[in-house]
Amino acid sequence: MKLRPHGYQVYHSLDPGITVVGCLAHMKRKFTDAIKALSPEEQKKTVYFKGQEYCDYLFHIEKKYNDADPGERRINGCFMIILL
């Protein structure tokens, strides 16, 4: 089982069979904060910019399946885990 708790630390002490995963929005913000002082041209040359693009790609995939039935979401959720 995977759990995305948005940083609430108590979840880290739950059953060892539960994998706590981070929030992509918070991860993307770290990338954004790391390059905001750079010019747009300089930003595109950094690994942080590529991280932002990858987060946007995953958000796009996730949005595509927002209205999907649970079975389709489960299949595509597994696909997203493989992408990571």
PDB file of N, CA and C in Angstrom:
ATOM      1  N   MET A   1       0.843  -1.181   0.000  1.00  0.00           N
ATOM      2  CA  MET A   1       0.000   0.000   0.000  1.00  0.00           C
ATOM      3  C   MET A   1       0.883   1.237   0.000  1.00  0.00           C
ATOM      4  N   LYS A   2       0.492   2.223  -0.782  1.00  0.00           N
ATOM      5  CA  LYS A   2       1.222   3.490  -0.837  1.00  0.00           C
ATOM      6  C   LYS A   2       0.352   4.582  -0.225  1.00  0.00           C
ATOM      7  N   LEU A   3       0.973   5.519   0.455  1.00  0.00           N
ATOM      8  CA  LEU A   3       0.260   6.584   1.144  1.00  0.00           C
ATOM      9  C   LEU A   3       0.961   7.899   0.864  1.00  0.00           C
ATOM     10  N   ARG A   4       0.201   8.905   0.438  1.00  0.00           N
ATOM     11  CA  ARG A   4       0.763  10.227   0.184  1.00  0.00           C
ATOM     12  C   ARG A   4       0.208  11.173   1.240  1.00  0.00           C
ATOM     13  N   PRO A   5       0.936  11.376   2.366  1.00  0.00           N
ATOM     14  CA  PRO A   5       0.392  12.093   3.518  1.00  0.00           C
ATOM     15  C   PRO A   5       0.665  13.594   3.578  1.00  0.00           C
ATOM     16  N   HIS A   6       1.248  14.189   2.574  1.00  0.00           N
ATOM     17  CA  HIS A   6       1.530  15.629   2.581  1.00  0.00           C
ATOM     18  C   HIS A   6       2.357  16.056   3.792  1.00  0.00           C
ATOM     19  N   GLY A   7       3.358  15.264   4.128  1.00  0.00           N
ATOM     20  CA  GLY A   7       4.330  15.651   5.139  1.00  0.00           C
ATOM     21  C   GLY A   7       3.956  15.387   6.586  1.00  0.00           C
ATOM     22  N   TYR A   8       2.806  14.832   6.861  1.00  0.00           N
ATOM     23  CA  TYR A   8       2.397  14.566   8.237  1.00  0.00           C
ATOM     24  C   TYR A   8       3.242  13.407   8.761  1.00  0.00           C
ATOM     25  N   GLN A   9       4.140  13.675   9.693  1.00  0.00           N
ATOM     26  CA  GLN A   9       5.165  12.723  10.107  1.00  0.00           C
ATOM     27  C   GLN A   9       4.648  11.465  10.801  1.00  0.00           C
ATOM     28  N   VAL A  10       3.482  11.520  11.421  1.00  0.00           N
ATOM     29  CA  VAL A  10       2.981  10.344  12.141  1.00  0.00           C
ATOM     30  C   VAL A  10       2.808   9.146  11.206  1.00  0.00           C
ATOM     31  N   TYR A  11       2.564   9.387   9.944  1.00  0.00           N
ATOM     32  CA  TYR A  11       2.379   8.288   8.996  1.00  0.00           C
ATOM     33  C   TYR A  11       3.644   7.449   8.822  1.00  0.00           C
ATOM     34  N   HIS A  12       4.804   8.021   9.100  1.00  0.00           N
ATOM     35  CA  HIS A  12       6.059   7.281   8.957  1.00  0.00           C
ATOM     36  C   HIS A  12       6.208   6.198  10.023  1.00  0.00           C
ATOM     37  N   SER A  13       5.389   6.254  11.061  1.00  0.00           N
ATOM     38  CA  SER A  13       5.480   5.251  12.130  1.00  0.00           C
ATOM     39  C   SER A  13       4.419   4.158  11.995  1.00  0.00           C
ATOM     40  N   LEU A  14       3.685   4.140  10.905  1.00  0.00           N
ATOM     41  CA  LEU A  14       2.662   3.121  10.684  1.00  0.00           C
ATOM     42  C   LEU A  14       3.279   1.792  10.268  1.00  0.00           C
ATOM     43  N   ASP A  15       2.451   0.862   9.932  1.00  0.00           N
ATOM     44  CA  ASP A  15       2.846  -0.485   9.509  1.00  0.00           C
ATOM     45  C   ASP A  15       3.972  -0.432   8.477  1.00  0.00           C
ATOM     46  N   PRO A  16       5.013  -1.273   8.634  1.00  0.00           N
ATOM     47  CA  PRO A  16       6.126  -1.281   7.677  1.00  0.00           C
ATOM     48  C   PRO A  16       5.713  -1.651   6.252  1.00  0.00           C
ATOM     49  N   GLY A  17       4.531  -2.243   6.086  1.00  0.00           N
ATOM     50  CA  GLY A  17       4.052  -2.585   4.750  1.00  0.00           C
ATOM     51  C   GLY A  17       3.520  -1.393   3.978  1.00  0.00           C
ATOM     52  N   ILE A  18       3.440  -0.239   4.639  1.00  0.00           N
ATOM     53  CA  ILE A  18       2.947   0.978   3.985  1.00  0.00           C
ATOM     54  C   ILE A  18       4.143   1.801   3.529  1.00  0.00           C
ATOM     55  N   THR A  19       4.173   2.116   2.257  1.00  0.00           N
ATOM     56  CA  THR A  19       5.227   2.959   1.705  1.00  0.00           C
ATOM     57  C   THR A  19       4.724   4.394   1.658  1.00  0.00           C
ATOM     58  N   VAL A  20       5.420   5.285   2.347  1.00  0.00           N
ATOM     59  CA  VAL A  20       5.045   6.697   2.341  1.00  0.00           C
ATOM     60  C   VAL A  20       5.744   7.350   1.158  1.00  0.00           C
ATOM     61  N   VAL A  21       4.971   7.987   0.290  1.00  0.00           N
ATOM     62  CA  VAL A  21       5.531   8.649  -0.889  1.00  0.00           C
ATOM     63  C   VAL A  21       5.338  10.153  -0.766  1.00  0.00           C
ATOM     64  N   GLY A  22       6.185  10.903  -1.409  1.00  0.00           N
ATOM     65  CA  GLY A  22       6.106  12.350  -1.346  1.00  0.00           C
ATOM     66  C   GLY A  22       5.102  12.925  -2.328  1.00  0.00           C
ATOM     67  N   CYS A  23       4.805  14.166  -2.148  1.00  0.00           N
ATOM     68  CA  CYS A  23       3.856  14.891  -2.983  1.00  0.00           C
ATOM     69  C   CYS A  23       4.614  15.554  -4.136  1.00  0.00           C
ATOM     70  N   LEU A  24       4.165  15.314  -5.364  1.00  0.00           N
ATOM     71  CA  LEU A  24       4.844  15.895  -6.527  1.00  0.00           C
ATOM     72  C   LEU A  24       4.775  17.417  -6.542  1.00  0.00           C
ATOM     73  N   ALA A  25       3.682  17.983  -6.053  1.00  0.00           N
ATOM     74  CA  ALA A  25       3.562  19.444  -6.040  1.00  0.00           C
ATOM     75  C   ALA A  25       4.630  20.059  -5.135  1.00  0.00           C
ATOM     76  N   HIS A  26       4.887  19.421  -3.992  1.00  0.00           N
ATOM     77  CA  HIS A  26       5.926  19.932  -3.097  1.00  0.00           C
ATOM     78  C   HIS A  26       7.314  19.742  -3.704  1.00  0.00           C
ATOM     79  N   MET A  27       7.516  18.629  -4.391  1.00  0.00           N
ATOM     80  CA  MET A  27       8.796  18.393  -5.045  1.00  0.00           C
ATOM     81  C   MET A  27       9.023  19.434  -6.147  1.00  0.00           C
ATOM     82  N   LYS A  28       7.990  19.702  -6.940  1.00  0.00           N
ATOM     83  CA  LYS A  28       8.128  20.680  -8.019  1.00  0.00           C
ATOM     84  C   LYS A  28       8.468  22.056  -7.456  1.00  0.00           C
ATOM     85  N   ARG A  29       7.862  22.399  -6.315  1.00  0.00           N
ATOM     86  CA  ARG A  29       8.145  23.700  -5.707  1.00  0.00           C
ATOM     87  C   ARG A  29       9.618  23.819  -5.335  1.00  0.00           C
ATOM     88  N   LYS A  30      10.231  22.738  -4.883  1.00  0.00           N
ATOM     89  CA  LYS A  30      11.666  22.761  -4.554  1.00  0.00           C
ATOM     90  C   LYS A  30      12.487  23.068  -5.806  1.00  0.00           C
ATOM     91  N   PHE A  31      12.118  22.445  -6.926  1.00  0.00           N
ATOM     92  CA  PHE A  31      12.811  22.729  -8.187  1.00  0.00           C
ATOM     93  C   PHE A  31      12.632  24.198  -8.580  1.00  0.00           C
ATOM     94  N   THR A  32      11.403  24.686  -8.460  1.00  0.00           N
ATOM     95  CA  THR A  32      11.093  26.069  -8.829  1.00  0.00           C
ATOM     96  C   THR A  32      11.880  27.051  -7.965  1.00  0.00           C
ATOM     97  N   ASP A  33      11.902  26.805  -6.664  1.00  0.00           N
ATOM     98  CA  ASP A  33      12.631  27.686  -5.750  1.00  0.00           C
ATOM     99  C   ASP A  33      14.125  27.703  -6.048  1.00  0.00           C
ATOM    100  N   ALA A  34      14.655  26.568  -6.492  1.00  0.00           N
ATOM    101  CA  ALA A  34      16.093  26.465  -6.748  1.00  0.00           C
ATOM    102  C   ALA A  34      16.541  27.320  -7.929  1.00  0.00           C
ATOM    103  N   ILE A  35      15.640  27.631  -8.864  1.00  0.00           N
ATOM    104  CA  ILE A  35      16.074  28.349 -10.074  1.00  0.00           C
ATOM    105  C   ILE A  35      15.417  29.714 -10.262  1.00  0.00           C
ATOM    106  N   LYS A  36      14.580  30.137  -9.337  1.00  0.00           N
ATOM    107  CA  LYS A  36      13.828  31.369  -9.592  1.00  0.00           C
ATOM    108  C   LYS A  36      14.690  32.623  -9.724  1.00  0.00           C
ATOM    109  N   ALA A  37      15.905  32.613  -9.190  1.00  0.00           N
ATOM    110  CA  ALA A  37      16.772  33.785  -9.304  1.00  0.00           C
ATOM    111  C   ALA A  37      17.487  33.849 -10.656  1.00  0.00           C
ATOM    112  N   LEU A  38      17.396  32.786 -11.438  1.00  0.00           N
ATOM    113  CA  LEU A  38      18.081  32.739 -12.735  1.00  0.00           C
ATOM    114  C   LEU A  38      17.202  33.304 -13.844  1.00  0.00           C
ATOM    115  N   SER A  39      17.843  33.723 -14.914  1.00  0.00           N
ATOM    116  CA  SER A  39      17.091  34.174 -16.083  1.00  0.00           C
ATOM    117  C   SER A  39      16.438  32.956 -16.740  1.00  0.00           C
ATOM    118  N   PRO A  40      15.378  33.167 -17.532  1.00  0.00           N
ATOM    119  CA  PRO A  40      14.728  32.030 -18.206  1.00  0.00           C
ATOM    120  C   PRO A  40      15.698  31.194 -19.050  1.00  0.00           C
ATOM    121  N   GLU A  41      16.659  31.847 -19.688  1.00  0.00           N
ATOM    122  CA  GLU A  41      17.629  31.114 -20.502  1.00  0.00           C
ATOM    123  C   GLU A  41      18.523  30.235 -19.626  1.00  0.00           C
ATOM    124  N   GLU A  42      18.962  30.788 -18.488  1.00  0.00           N
ATOM    125  CA  GLU A  42      19.807  30.019 -17.571  1.00  0.00           C
ATOM    126  C   GLU A  42      19.027  28.880 -16.922  1.00  0.00           C
ATOM    127  N   GLN A  43      17.756  29.125 -16.619  1.00  0.00           N
ATOM    128  CA  GLN A  43      16.921  28.102 -15.982  1.00  0.00           C
ATOM    129  C   GLN A  43      16.855  26.842 -16.837  1.00  0.00           C
ATOM    130  N   LYS A  44      16.692  27.023 -18.137  1.00  0.00           N
ATOM    131  CA  LYS A  44      16.532  25.880 -19.044  1.00  0.00           C
ATOM    132  C   LYS A  44      17.767  24.989 -19.107  1.00  0.00           C
ATOM    133  N   LYS A  45      18.900  25.485 -18.657  1.00  0.00           N
ATOM    134  CA  LYS A  45      20.143  24.708 -18.691  1.00  0.00           C
ATOM    135  C   LYS A  45      20.346  23.865 -17.433  1.00  0.00           C
ATOM    136  N   THR A  46      19.449  23.969 -16.470  1.00  0.00           N
ATOM    137  CA  THR A  46      19.653  23.284 -15.193  1.00  0.00           C
ATOM    138  C   THR A  46      18.888  21.968 -15.100  1.00  0.00           C
ATOM    139  N   VAL A  47      19.371  21.110 -14.230  1.00  0.00           N
ATOM    140  CA  VAL A  47      18.684  19.847 -13.955  1.00  0.00           C
ATOM    141  C   VAL A  47      17.364  20.121 -13.223  1.00  0.00           C
ATOM    142  N   TYR A  48      17.286  21.226 -12.502  1.00  0.00           N
ATOM    143  CA  TYR A  48      16.054  21.579 -11.788  1.00  0.00           C
ATOM    144  C   TYR A  48      14.921  21.873 -12.767  1.00  0.00           C
ATOM    145  N   PHE A  49      15.258  22.504 -13.879  1.00  0.00           N
ATOM    146  CA  PHE A  49      14.259  22.785 -14.913  1.00  0.00           C
ATOM    147  C   PHE A  49      13.718  21.478 -15.490  1.00  0.00           C
ATOM    148  N   LYS A  50      14.614  20.531 -15.719  1.00  0.00           N
ATOM    149  CA  LYS A  50      14.187  19.214 -16.216  1.00  0.00           C
ATOM    150  C   LYS A  50      13.290  18.524 -15.189  1.00  0.00           C
ATOM    151  N   GLY A  51      13.585  18.718 -13.913  1.00  0.00           N
ATOM    152  CA  GLY A  51      12.737  18.170 -12.856  1.00  0.00           C
ATOM    153  C   GLY A  51      11.348  18.767 -12.895  1.00  0.00           C
ATOM    154  N   GLN A  52      11.271  20.079 -13.124  1.00  0.00           N
ATOM    155  CA  GLN A  52       9.969  20.751 -13.262  1.00  0.00           C
ATOM    156  C   GLN A  52       9.197  20.175 -14.443  1.00  0.00           C
ATOM    157  N   GLU A  53       9.873  20.016 -15.562  1.00  0.00           N
ATOM    158  CA  GLU A  53       9.220  19.475 -16.755  1.00  0.00           C
ATOM    159  C   GLU A  53       8.697  18.065 -16.509  1.00  0.00           C
ATOM    160  N   TYR A  54       9.479  17.256 -15.803  1.00  0.00           N
ATOM    161  CA  TYR A  54       9.059  15.884 -15.522  1.00  0.00           C
ATOM    162  C   TYR A  54       7.826  15.874 -14.616  1.00  0.00           C
ATOM    163  N   CYS A  55       7.813  16.752 -13.610  1.00  0.00           N
ATOM    164  CA  CYS A  55       6.630  16.863 -12.742  1.00  0.00           C
ATOM    165  C   CYS A  55       5.415  17.266 -13.571  1.00  0.00           C
ATOM    166  N   ASP A  56       5.582  18.236 -14.455  1.00  0.00           N
ATOM    167  CA  ASP A  56       4.465  18.666 -15.306  1.00  0.00           C
ATOM    168  C   ASP A  56       3.957  17.518 -16.175  1.00  0.00           C
ATOM    169  N   TYR A  57       4.879  16.699 -16.675  1.00  0.00           N
ATOM    170  CA  TYR A  57       4.510  15.536 -17.482  1.00  0.00           C
ATOM    171  C   TYR A  57       3.662  14.565 -16.653  1.00  0.00           C
ATOM    172  N   LEU A  58       4.083  14.293 -15.424  1.00  0.00           N
ATOM    173  CA  LEU A  58       3.323  13.389 -14.560  1.00  0.00           C
ATOM    174  C   LEU A  58       1.969  13.980 -14.181  1.00  0.00           C
ATOM    175  N   PHE A  59       1.917  15.301 -13.950  1.00  0.00           N
ATOM    176  CA  PHE A  59       0.633  15.953 -13.654  1.00  0.00           C
ATOM    177  C   PHE A  59      -0.319  15.809 -14.840  1.00  0.00           C
ATOM    178  N   HIS A  60       0.230  15.932 -16.044  1.00  0.00           N
ATOM    179  CA  HIS A  60      -0.579  15.794 -17.259  1.00  0.00           C
ATOM    180  C   HIS A  60      -1.193  14.396 -17.339  1.00  0.00           C
ATOM    181  N   ILE A  61      -0.380  13.385 -17.074  1.00  0.00           N
ATOM    182  CA  ILE A  61      -0.886  12.007 -17.097  1.00  0.00           C
ATOM    183  C   ILE A  61      -1.960  11.817 -16.029  1.00  0.00           C
ATOM    184  N   GLU A  62      -1.694  12.322 -14.834  1.00  0.00           N
ATOM    185  CA  GLU A  62      -2.650  12.176 -13.732  1.00  0.00           C
ATOM    186  C   GLU A  62      -3.983  12.843 -14.065  1.00  0.00           C
ATOM    187  N   LYS A  63      -3.920  14.042 -14.645  1.00  0.00           N
ATOM    188  CA  LYS A  63      -5.139  14.784 -14.992  1.00  0.00           C
ATOM    189  C   LYS A  63      -5.973  14.020 -16.020  1.00  0.00           C
ATOM    190  N   LYS A  64      -5.289  13.333 -16.910  1.00  0.00           N
ATOM    191  CA  LYS A  64      -5.950  12.578 -17.964  1.00  0.00           C
ATOM    192  C   LYS A  64      -6.873  11.495 -17.399  1.00  0.00           C
ATOM    193  N   TYR A  65      -6.520  10.967 -16.229  1.00  0.00           N
ATOM    194  CA  TYR A  65      -7.282   9.864 -15.648  1.00  0.00           C
ATOM    195  C   TYR A  65      -8.128  10.268 -14.440  1.00  0.00           C
ATOM    196  N   ASN A  66      -8.327  11.556 -14.224  1.00  0.00           N
ATOM    197  CA  ASN A  66      -9.142  12.018 -13.092  1.00  0.00           C
ATOM    198  C   ASN A  66     -10.553  11.451 -13.115  1.00  0.00           C
ATOM    199  N   ASP A  67     -11.151  11.333 -14.284  1.00  0.00           N
ATOM    200  CA  ASP A  67     -12.530  10.863 -14.394  1.00  0.00           C
ATOM    201  C   ASP A  67     -12.625   9.382 -14.757  1.00  0.00           C
ATOM    202  N   ALA A  68     -11.519   8.675 -14.720  1.00  0.00           N
ATOM    203  CA  ALA A  68     -11.518   7.255 -15.085  1.00  0.00           C
ATOM    204  C   ALA A  68     -12.135   6.413 -13.970  1.00  0.00           C
ATOM    205  N   ASP A  69     -12.608   5.227 -14.342  1.00  0.00           N
ATOM    206  CA  ASP A  69     -13.153   4.325 -13.326  1.00  0.00           C
ATOM    207  C   ASP A  69     -11.996   3.748 -12.497  1.00  0.00           C
ATOM    208  N   PRO A  70     -12.285   3.224 -11.296  1.00  0.00           N
ATOM    209  CA  PRO A  70     -11.221   2.743 -10.402  1.00  0.00           C
ATOM    210  C   PRO A  70     -10.287   1.699 -11.025  1.00  0.00           C
ATOM    211  N   GLY A  71     -10.826   0.798 -11.851  1.00  0.00           N
ATOM    212  CA  GLY A  71      -9.977  -0.211 -12.487  1.00  0.00           C
ATOM    213  C   GLY A  71      -8.950   0.404 -13.418  1.00  0.00           C
ATOM    214  N   GLU A  72      -9.402   1.351 -14.218  1.00  0.00           N
ATOM    215  CA  GLU A  72      -8.482   2.028 -15.146  1.00  0.00           C
ATOM    216  C   GLU A  72      -7.458   2.851 -14.371  1.00  0.00           C
ATOM    217  N   ARG A  73      -7.902   3.501 -13.297  1.00  0.00           N
ATOM    218  CA  ARG A  73      -6.967   4.275 -12.477  1.00  0.00           C
ATOM    219  C   ARG A  73      -5.902   3.375 -11.871  1.00  0.00           C
ATOM    220  N   ARG A  74      -6.311   2.201 -11.411  1.00  0.00           N
ATOM    221  CA  ARG A  74      -5.360   1.268 -10.801  1.00  0.00           C
ATOM    222  C   ARG A  74      -4.309   0.850 -11.824  1.00  0.00           C
ATOM    223  N   ILE A  75      -4.743   0.511 -13.023  1.00  0.00           N
ATOM    224  CA  ILE A  75      -3.812   0.104 -14.081  1.00  0.00           C
ATOM    225  C   ILE A  75      -2.863   1.246 -14.415  1.00  0.00           C
ATOM    226  N   ASN A  76      -3.396   2.441 -14.596  1.00  0.00           N
ATOM    227  CA  ASN A  76      -2.559   3.581 -14.968  1.00  0.00           C
ATOM    228  C   ASN A  76      -1.748   4.097 -13.796  1.00  0.00           C
ATOM    229  N   GLY A  77      -2.218   3.892 -12.578  1.00  0.00           N
ATOM    230  CA  GLY A  77      -1.426   4.234 -11.401  1.00  0.00           C
ATOM    231  C   GLY A  77      -0.156   3.398 -11.358  1.00  0.00           C
ATOM    232  N   CYS A  78      -0.291   2.111 -11.699  1.00  0.00           N
ATOM    233  CA  CYS A  78       0.879   1.236 -11.764  1.00  0.00           C
ATOM    234  C   CYS A  78       1.822   1.710 -12.855  1.00  0.00           C
ATOM    235  N   PHE A  79       1.268   2.178 -13.970  1.00  0.00           N
ATOM    236  CA  PHE A  79       2.078   2.703 -15.066  1.00  0.00           C
ATOM    237  C   PHE A  79       2.896   3.904 -14.590  1.00  0.00           C
ATOM    238  N   MET A  80       2.275   4.794 -13.813  1.00  0.00           N
ATOM    239  CA  MET A  80       2.997   5.968 -13.314  1.00  0.00           C
ATOM    240  C   MET A  80       4.119   5.563 -12.373  1.00  0.00           C
ATOM    241  N   ILE A  81       3.897   4.553 -11.543  1.00  0.00           N
ATOM    242  CA  ILE A  81       4.945   4.099 -10.638  1.00  0.00           C
ATOM    243  C   ILE A  81       6.141   3.590 -11.434  1.00  0.00           C
ATOM    244  N   ILE A  82       5.879   2.883 -12.532  1.00  0.00           N
ATOM    245  CA  ILE A  82       6.958   2.386 -13.385  1.00  0.00           C
ATOM    246  C   ILE A  82       7.727   3.555 -13.996  1.00  0.00           C
ATOM    247  N   LEU A  83       7.026   4.627 -14.380  1.00  0.00           N
ATOM    248  CA  LEU A  83       7.696   5.802 -14.948  1.00  0.00           C
ATOM    249  C   LEU A  83       8.669   6.427 -13.959  1.00  0.00           C
ATOM    250  N   LEU A  84       8.297   6.431 -12.700  1.00  0.00           N
ATOM    251  CA  LEU A  84       9.156   7.029 -11.685  1.00  0.00           C
ATOM    252  C   LEU A  84      10.395   6.185 -11.501  1.00  0.00           C
TER     253      LEU A  84
END
